[in-house]
Amino acid sequence: VQGIRERMDFLQEMESLGLGKKYRPIIQQEIAQKIRTIESLDSKRFDEIEREVGGLKYERPPPKPFPLGELDAE
């Protein structure tokens, strides 16, 4: 579960730096693989983890505002 949280945190950091498009598919695949591994090991434990991680739904950060000051320079 900690590894999943770390990957989600990393993705949020990359999103805030404007690199989310590059890393999102990679990180989502890594998270999915970790979840599949956990599910295959122990279905009861998986249910507990799913409830815990379900509360950590990834949300995209709001878009960065366009720098309007540069447009007014004309």
PDB file of N, CA and C in Angstrom:
ATOM      1  N   VAL A   1       0.837  -1.189   0.000  1.00  0.00           N
ATOM      2  CA  VAL A   1       0.000   0.000   0.000  1.00  0.00           C
ATOM      3  C   VAL A   1       0.882   1.253   0.000  1.00  0.00           C
ATOM      4  N   GLN A   2       1.953   1.234   0.755  1.00  0.00           N
ATOM      5  CA  GLN A   2       2.850   2.391   0.806  1.00  0.00           C
ATOM      6  C   GLN A   2       3.437   2.678  -0.575  1.00  0.00           C
ATOM      7  N   GLY A   3       3.779   1.628  -1.309  1.00  0.00           N
ATOM      8  CA  GLY A   3       4.323   1.812  -2.652  1.00  0.00           C
ATOM      9  C   GLY A   3       3.324   2.477  -3.579  1.00  0.00           C
ATOM     10  N   ILE A   4       2.054   2.134  -3.423  1.00  0.00           N
ATOM     11  CA  ILE A   4       1.002   2.747  -4.239  1.00  0.00           C
ATOM     12  C   ILE A   4       0.879   4.224  -3.888  1.00  0.00           C
ATOM     13  N   ARG A   5       0.888   4.517  -2.612  1.00  0.00           N
ATOM     14  CA  ARG A   5       0.814   5.925  -2.182  1.00  0.00           C
ATOM     15  C   ARG A   5       1.991   6.731  -2.729  1.00  0.00           C
ATOM     16  N   GLU A   6       3.178   6.137  -2.670  1.00  0.00           N
ATOM     17  CA  GLU A   6       4.364   6.830  -3.171  1.00  0.00           C
ATOM     18  C   GLU A   6       4.239   7.123  -4.656  1.00  0.00           C
ATOM     19  N   ARG A   7       3.730   6.172  -5.424  1.00  0.00           N
ATOM     20  CA  ARG A   7       3.563   6.380  -6.865  1.00  0.00           C
ATOM     21  C   ARG A   7       2.534   7.477  -7.130  1.00  0.00           C
ATOM     22  N   MET A   8       1.453   7.491  -6.346  1.00  0.00           N
ATOM     23  CA  MET A   8       0.426   8.520  -6.516  1.00  0.00           C
ATOM     24  C   MET A   8       0.988   9.899  -6.163  1.00  0.00           C
ATOM     25  N   ASP A   9       1.771   9.968  -5.103  1.00  0.00           N
ATOM     26  CA  ASP A   9       2.399  11.236  -4.713  1.00  0.00           C
ATOM     27  C   ASP A   9       3.361  11.720  -5.796  1.00  0.00           C
ATOM     28  N   PHE A  10       4.145  10.785  -6.329  1.00  0.00           N
ATOM     29  CA  PHE A  10       5.086  11.137  -7.391  1.00  0.00           C
ATOM     30  C   PHE A  10       4.339  11.695  -8.598  1.00  0.00           C
ATOM     31  N   LEU A  11       3.242  11.042  -8.964  1.00  0.00           N
ATOM     32  CA  LEU A  11       2.470  11.500 -10.114  1.00  0.00           C
ATOM     33  C   LEU A  11       1.899  12.895  -9.866  1.00  0.00           C
ATOM     34  N   GLN A  12       1.440  13.147  -8.663  1.00  0.00           N
ATOM     35  CA  GLN A  12       0.925  14.480  -8.352  1.00  0.00           C
ATOM     36  C   GLN A  12       2.027  15.533  -8.469  1.00  0.00           C
ATOM     37  N   GLU A  13       3.236  15.187  -8.025  1.00  0.00           N
ATOM     38  CA  GLU A  13       4.359  16.114  -8.146  1.00  0.00           C
ATOM     39  C   GLU A  13       4.670  16.394  -9.616  1.00  0.00           C
ATOM     40  N   MET A  14       4.668  15.343 -10.429  1.00  0.00           N
ATOM     41  CA  MET A  14       4.956  15.516 -11.847  1.00  0.00           C
ATOM     42  C   MET A  14       3.873  16.352 -12.528  1.00  0.00           C
ATOM     43  N   GLU A  15       2.614  16.133 -12.118  1.00  0.00           N
ATOM     44  CA  GLU A  15       1.511  16.931 -12.663  1.00  0.00           C
ATOM     45  C   GLU A  15       1.729  18.408 -12.338  1.00  0.00           C
ATOM     46  N   SER A  16       2.128  18.690 -11.113  1.00  0.00           N
ATOM     47  CA  SER A  16       2.314  20.085 -10.714  1.00  0.00           C
ATOM     48  C   SER A  16       3.487  20.736 -11.453  1.00  0.00           C
ATOM     49  N   LEU A  17       4.429  19.924 -11.922  1.00  0.00           N
ATOM     50  CA  LEU A  17       5.564  20.439 -12.687  1.00  0.00           C
ATOM     51  C   LEU A  17       5.278  20.474 -14.189  1.00  0.00           C
ATOM     52  N   GLY A  18       4.070  20.041 -14.559  1.00  0.00           N
ATOM     53  CA  GLY A  18       3.703  20.030 -15.970  1.00  0.00           C
ATOM     54  C   GLY A  18       4.196  18.810 -16.726  1.00  0.00           C
ATOM     55  N   LEU A  19       4.619  17.770 -16.012  1.00  0.00           N
ATOM     56  CA  LEU A  19       5.141  16.560 -16.639  1.00  0.00           C
ATOM     57  C   LEU A  19       4.182  15.380 -16.524  1.00  0.00           C
ATOM     58  N   GLY A  20       2.948  15.652 -16.130  1.00  0.00           N
ATOM     59  CA  GLY A  20       1.978  14.587 -15.926  1.00  0.00           C
ATOM     60  C   GLY A  20       1.713  13.771 -17.167  1.00  0.00           C
ATOM     61  N   LYS A  21       1.652  14.413 -18.307  1.00  0.00           N
ATOM     62  CA  LYS A  21       1.359  13.708 -19.560  1.00  0.00           C
ATOM     63  C   LYS A  21       2.410  12.634 -19.836  1.00  0.00           C
ATOM     64  N   LYS A  22       3.648  12.921 -19.496  1.00  0.00           N
ATOM     65  CA  LYS A  22       4.744  11.979 -19.723  1.00  0.00           C
ATOM     66  C   LYS A  22       4.676  10.792 -18.761  1.00  0.00           C
ATOM     67  N   TYR A  23       4.383  11.063 -17.490  1.00  0.00           N
ATOM     68  CA  TYR A  23       4.478  10.034 -16.459  1.00  0.00           C
ATOM     69  C   TYR A  23       3.165   9.323 -16.133  1.00  0.00           C
ATOM     70  N   ARG A  24       2.024   9.932 -16.429  1.00  0.00           N
ATOM     71  CA  ARG A  24       0.730   9.371 -16.030  1.00  0.00           C
ATOM     72  C   ARG A  24       0.543   7.918 -16.475  1.00  0.00           C
ATOM     73  N   PRO A  25       0.740   7.573 -17.770  1.00  0.00           N
ATOM     74  CA  PRO A  25       0.513   6.177 -18.172  1.00  0.00           C
ATOM     75  C   PRO A  25       1.457   5.200 -17.478  1.00  0.00           C
ATOM     76  N   ILE A  26       2.691   5.604 -17.283  1.00  0.00           N
ATOM     77  CA  ILE A  26       3.677   4.730 -16.642  1.00  0.00           C
ATOM     78  C   ILE A  26       3.280   4.457 -15.199  1.00  0.00           C
ATOM     79  N   ILE A  27       2.961   5.504 -14.464  1.00  0.00           N
ATOM     80  CA  ILE A  27       2.631   5.372 -13.046  1.00  0.00           C
ATOM     81  C   ILE A  27       1.321   4.619 -12.867  1.00  0.00           C
ATOM     82  N   GLN A  28       0.327   4.909 -13.705  1.00  0.00           N
ATOM     83  CA  GLN A  28      -0.946   4.195 -13.600  1.00  0.00           C
ATOM     84  C   GLN A  28      -0.741   2.707 -13.847  1.00  0.00           C
ATOM     85  N   GLN A  29       0.130   2.354 -14.786  1.00  0.00           N
ATOM     86  CA  GLN A  29       0.428   0.948 -15.051  1.00  0.00           C
ATOM     87  C   GLN A  29       1.119   0.307 -13.851  1.00  0.00           C
ATOM     88  N   GLU A  30       2.057   1.019 -13.243  1.00  0.00           N
ATOM     89  CA  GLU A  30       2.750   0.486 -12.062  1.00  0.00           C
ATOM     90  C   GLU A  30       1.773   0.259 -10.911  1.00  0.00           C
ATOM     91  N   ILE A  31       0.875   1.197 -10.697  1.00  0.00           N
ATOM     92  CA  ILE A  31      -0.121   1.062  -9.630  1.00  0.00           C
ATOM     93  C   ILE A  31      -1.033  -0.124  -9.912  1.00  0.00           C
ATOM     94  N   ALA A  32      -1.486  -0.253 -11.156  1.00  0.00           N
ATOM     95  CA  ALA A  32      -2.363  -1.374 -11.519  1.00  0.00           C
ATOM     96  C   ALA A  32      -1.656  -2.705 -11.291  1.00  0.00           C
ATOM     97  N   GLN A  33      -0.374  -2.781 -11.635  1.00  0.00           N
ATOM     98  CA  GLN A  33       0.385  -4.015 -11.434  1.00  0.00           C
ATOM     99  C   GLN A  33       0.504  -4.343  -9.948  1.00  0.00           C
ATOM    100  N   LYS A  34       0.766  -3.345  -9.119  1.00  0.00           N
ATOM    101  CA  LYS A  34       0.865  -3.577  -7.676  1.00  0.00           C
ATOM    102  C   LYS A  34      -0.464  -4.087  -7.118  1.00  0.00           C
ATOM    103  N   ILE A  35      -1.564  -3.507  -7.583  1.00  0.00           N
ATOM    104  CA  ILE A  35      -2.884  -3.930  -7.117  1.00  0.00           C
ATOM    105  C   ILE A  35      -3.168  -5.361  -7.559  1.00  0.00           C
ATOM    106  N   ARG A  36      -2.818  -5.706  -8.803  1.00  0.00           N
ATOM    107  CA  ARG A  36      -3.035  -7.085  -9.278  1.00  0.00           C
ATOM    108  C   ARG A  36      -2.216  -8.073  -8.462  1.00  0.00           C
ATOM    109  N   THR A  37      -0.985  -7.699  -8.134  1.00  0.00           N
ATOM    110  CA  THR A  37      -0.127  -8.575  -7.335  1.00  0.00           C
ATOM    111  C   THR A  37      -0.733  -8.803  -5.956  1.00  0.00           C
ATOM    112  N   ILE A  38      -1.181  -7.743  -5.334  1.00  0.00           N
ATOM    113  CA  ILE A  38      -1.797  -7.855  -4.013  1.00  0.00           C
ATOM    114  C   ILE A  38      -3.046  -8.726  -4.089  1.00  0.00           C
ATOM    115  N   GLU A  39      -3.859  -8.513  -5.116  1.00  0.00           N
ATOM    116  CA  GLU A  39      -5.095  -9.284  -5.267  1.00  0.00           C
ATOM    117  C   GLU A  39      -4.794 -10.768  -5.433  1.00  0.00           C
ATOM    118  N   SER A  40      -3.759 -11.103  -6.175  1.00  0.00           N
ATOM    119  CA  SER A  40      -3.438 -12.507  -6.395  1.00  0.00           C
ATOM    120  C   SER A  40      -2.891 -13.170  -5.132  1.00  0.00           C
ATOM    121  N   LEU A  41      -2.272 -12.394  -4.251  1.00  0.00           N
ATOM    122  CA  LEU A  41      -1.704 -12.962  -3.033  1.00  0.00           C
ATOM    123  C   LEU A  41      -2.759 -13.293  -1.986  1.00  0.00           C
ATOM    124  N   ASP A  42      -3.692 -12.395  -1.791  1.00  0.00           N
ATOM    125  CA  ASP A  42      -4.654 -12.600  -0.716  1.00  0.00           C
ATOM    126  C   ASP A  42      -5.894 -11.754  -0.974  1.00  0.00           C
ATOM    127  N   SER A  43      -6.987 -12.415  -1.328  1.00  0.00           N
ATOM    128  CA  SER A  43      -8.192 -11.670  -1.695  1.00  0.00           C
ATOM    129  C   SER A  43      -8.791 -10.922  -0.500  1.00  0.00           C
ATOM    130  N   LYS A  44      -8.687 -11.482   0.705  1.00  0.00           N
ATOM    131  CA  LYS A  44      -9.228 -10.785   1.872  1.00  0.00           C
ATOM    132  C   LYS A  44      -8.417  -9.518   2.140  1.00  0.00           C
ATOM    133  N   ARG A  45      -7.117  -9.648   2.106  1.00  0.00           N
ATOM    134  CA  ARG A  45      -6.245  -8.489   2.320  1.00  0.00           C
ATOM    135  C   ARG A  45      -6.456  -7.469   1.202  1.00  0.00           C
ATOM    136  N   PHE A  46      -6.702  -7.958  -0.011  1.00  0.00           N
ATOM    137  CA  PHE A  46      -6.950  -7.066  -1.138  1.00  0.00           C
ATOM    138  C   PHE A  46      -8.165  -6.192  -0.877  1.00  0.00           C
ATOM    139  N   ASP A  47      -9.223  -6.781  -0.324  1.00  0.00           N
ATOM    140  CA  ASP A  47     -10.431  -6.007  -0.025  1.00  0.00           C
ATOM    141  C   ASP A  47     -10.118  -4.869   0.951  1.00  0.00           C
ATOM    142  N   GLU A  48      -9.293  -5.159   1.957  1.00  0.00           N
ATOM    143  CA  GLU A  48      -8.907  -4.128   2.919  1.00  0.00           C
ATOM    144  C   GLU A  48      -8.102  -3.019   2.228  1.00  0.00           C
ATOM    145  N   ILE A  49      -7.167  -3.420   1.402  1.00  0.00           N
ATOM    146  CA  ILE A  49      -6.317  -2.450   0.706  1.00  0.00           C
ATOM    147  C   ILE A  49      -7.135  -1.629  -0.278  1.00  0.00           C
ATOM    148  N   GLU A  50      -8.053  -2.282  -0.966  1.00  0.00           N
ATOM    149  CA  GLU A  50      -8.894  -1.569  -1.932  1.00  0.00           C
ATOM    150  C   GLU A  50      -9.708  -0.477  -1.240  1.00  0.00           C
ATOM    151  N   ARG A  51     -10.234  -0.788  -0.054  1.00  0.00           N
ATOM    152  CA  ARG A  51     -10.981   0.227   0.695  1.00  0.00           C
ATOM    153  C   ARG A  51     -10.064   1.386   1.082  1.00  0.00           C
ATOM    154  N   GLU A  52      -8.853   1.048   1.511  1.00  0.00           N
ATOM    155  CA  GLU A  52      -7.912   2.084   1.939  1.00  0.00           C
ATOM    156  C   GLU A  52      -7.442   2.934   0.759  1.00  0.00           C
ATOM    157  N   VAL A  53      -7.064   2.307  -0.323  1.00  0.00           N
ATOM    158  CA  VAL A  53      -6.570   3.025  -1.495  1.00  0.00           C
ATOM    159  C   VAL A  53      -7.719   3.720  -2.221  1.00  0.00           C
ATOM    160  N   GLY A  54      -8.904   3.181  -2.131  1.00  0.00           N
ATOM    161  CA  GLY A  54     -10.061   3.799  -2.773  1.00  0.00           C
ATOM    162  C   GLY A  54     -10.282   5.212  -2.285  1.00  0.00           C
ATOM    163  N   GLY A  55      -9.911   5.481  -1.057  1.00  0.00           N
ATOM    164  CA  GLY A  55     -10.032   6.824  -0.515  1.00  0.00           C
ATOM    165  C   GLY A  55      -8.953   7.763  -1.023  1.00  0.00           C
ATOM    166  N   LEU A  56      -7.983   7.216  -1.729  1.00  0.00           N
ATOM    167  CA  LEU A  56      -6.878   8.027  -2.243  1.00  0.00           C
ATOM    168  C   LEU A  56      -7.018   8.276  -3.742  1.00  0.00           C
ATOM    169  N   LYS A  57      -8.232   8.342  -4.213  1.00  0.00           N
ATOM    170  CA  LYS A  57      -8.465   8.550  -5.645  1.00  0.00           C
ATOM    171  C   LYS A  57      -7.605   9.699  -6.146  1.00  0.00           C
ATOM    172  N   TYR A  58      -6.969   9.461  -7.244  1.00  0.00           N
ATOM    173  CA  TYR A  58      -6.104  10.490  -7.817  1.00  0.00           C
ATOM    174  C   TYR A  58      -6.951  11.576  -8.458  1.00  0.00           C
ATOM    175  N   GLU A  59      -6.641  12.807  -8.118  1.00  0.00           N
ATOM    176  CA  GLU A  59      -7.320  13.943  -8.722  1.00  0.00           C
ATOM    177  C   GLU A  59      -6.284  14.803  -9.423  1.00  0.00           C
ATOM    178  N   ARG A  60      -6.616  15.227 -10.619  1.00  0.00           N
ATOM    179  CA  ARG A  60      -5.704  16.076 -11.366  1.00  0.00           C
ATOM    180  C   ARG A  60      -5.683  17.468 -10.736  1.00  0.00           C
ATOM    181  N   PRO A  61      -4.526  18.083 -10.693  1.00  0.00           N
ATOM    182  CA  PRO A  61      -4.471  19.450 -10.173  1.00  0.00           C
ATOM    183  C   PRO A  61      -5.157  20.397 -11.149  1.00  0.00           C
ATOM    184  N   PRO A  62      -5.617  21.539 -10.669  1.00  0.00           N
ATOM    185  CA  PRO A  62      -6.259  22.493 -11.576  1.00  0.00           C
ATOM    186  C   PRO A  62      -5.249  22.991 -12.606  1.00  0.00           C
ATOM    187  N   PRO A  63      -5.727  23.345 -13.786  1.00  0.00           N
ATOM    188  CA  PRO A  63      -4.791  23.820 -14.809  1.00  0.00           C
ATOM    189  C   PRO A  63      -4.133  25.130 -14.393  1.00  0.00           C
ATOM    190  N   LYS A  64      -2.940  25.333 -14.888  1.00  0.00           N
ATOM    191  CA  LYS A  64      -2.218  26.568 -14.587  1.00  0.00           C
ATOM    192  C   LYS A  64      -2.842  27.701 -15.394  1.00  0.00           C
ATOM    193  N   PRO A  65      -3.009  28.866 -14.792  1.00  0.00           N
ATOM    194  CA  PRO A  65      -3.598  29.985 -15.530  1.00  0.00           C
ATOM    195  C   PRO A  65      -2.655  30.475 -16.622  1.00  0.00           C
ATOM    196  N   PHE A  66      -3.241  30.939 -17.696  1.00  0.00           N
ATOM    197  CA  PHE A  66      -2.465  31.478 -18.803  1.00  0.00           C
ATOM    198  C   PHE A  66      -1.899  32.831 -18.390  1.00  0.00           C
ATOM    199  N   PRO A  67      -0.635  33.100 -18.649  1.00  0.00           N
ATOM    200  CA  PRO A  67      -0.037  34.379 -18.239  1.00  0.00           C
ATOM    201  C   PRO A  67      -0.571  35.539 -19.090  1.00  0.00           C
ATOM    202  N   LEU A  68      -1.610  36.183 -18.617  1.00  0.00           N
ATOM    203  CA  LEU A  68      -2.250  37.250 -19.373  1.00  0.00           C
ATOM    204  C   LEU A  68      -1.384  38.491 -19.500  1.00  0.00           C
ATOM    205  N   GLY A  69      -0.479  38.704 -18.589  1.00  0.00           N
ATOM    206  CA  GLY A  69       0.389  39.873 -18.631  1.00  0.00           C
ATOM    207  C   GLY A  69       1.176  39.969 -19.927  1.00  0.00           C
ATOM    208  N   GLU A  70       1.560  38.824 -20.475  1.00  0.00           N
ATOM    209  CA  GLU A  70       2.326  38.822 -21.720  1.00  0.00           C
ATOM    210  C   GLU A  70       1.477  39.284 -22.898  1.00  0.00           C
ATOM    211  N   LEU A  71       0.187  39.058 -22.860  1.00  0.00           N
ATOM    212  CA  LEU A  71      -0.695  39.456 -23.949  1.00  0.00           C
ATOM    213  C   LEU A  71      -0.958  40.956 -23.936  1.00  0.00           C
ATOM    214  N   ASP A  72      -0.935  41.546 -22.760  1.00  0.00           N
ATOM    215  CA  ASP A  72      -1.228  42.972 -22.634  1.00  0.00           C
ATOM    216  C   ASP A  72      -0.061  43.853 -23.081  1.00  0.00           C
ATOM    217  N   ALA A  73       1.098  43.286 -23.352  1.00  0.00           N
ATOM    218  CA  ALA A  73       2.295  44.051 -23.672  1.00  0.00           C
ATOM    219  C   ALA A  73       2.240  44.687 -25.064  1.00  0.00           C
ATOM    220  N   GLU A  74       1.283  44.308 -25.882  1.00  0.00           N
ATOM    221  CA  GLU A  74       1.215  44.825 -27.258  1.00  0.00           C
ATOM    222  C   GLU A  74       0.871  46.249 -27.315  1.00  0.00           C
TER     223      GLU A  74
END
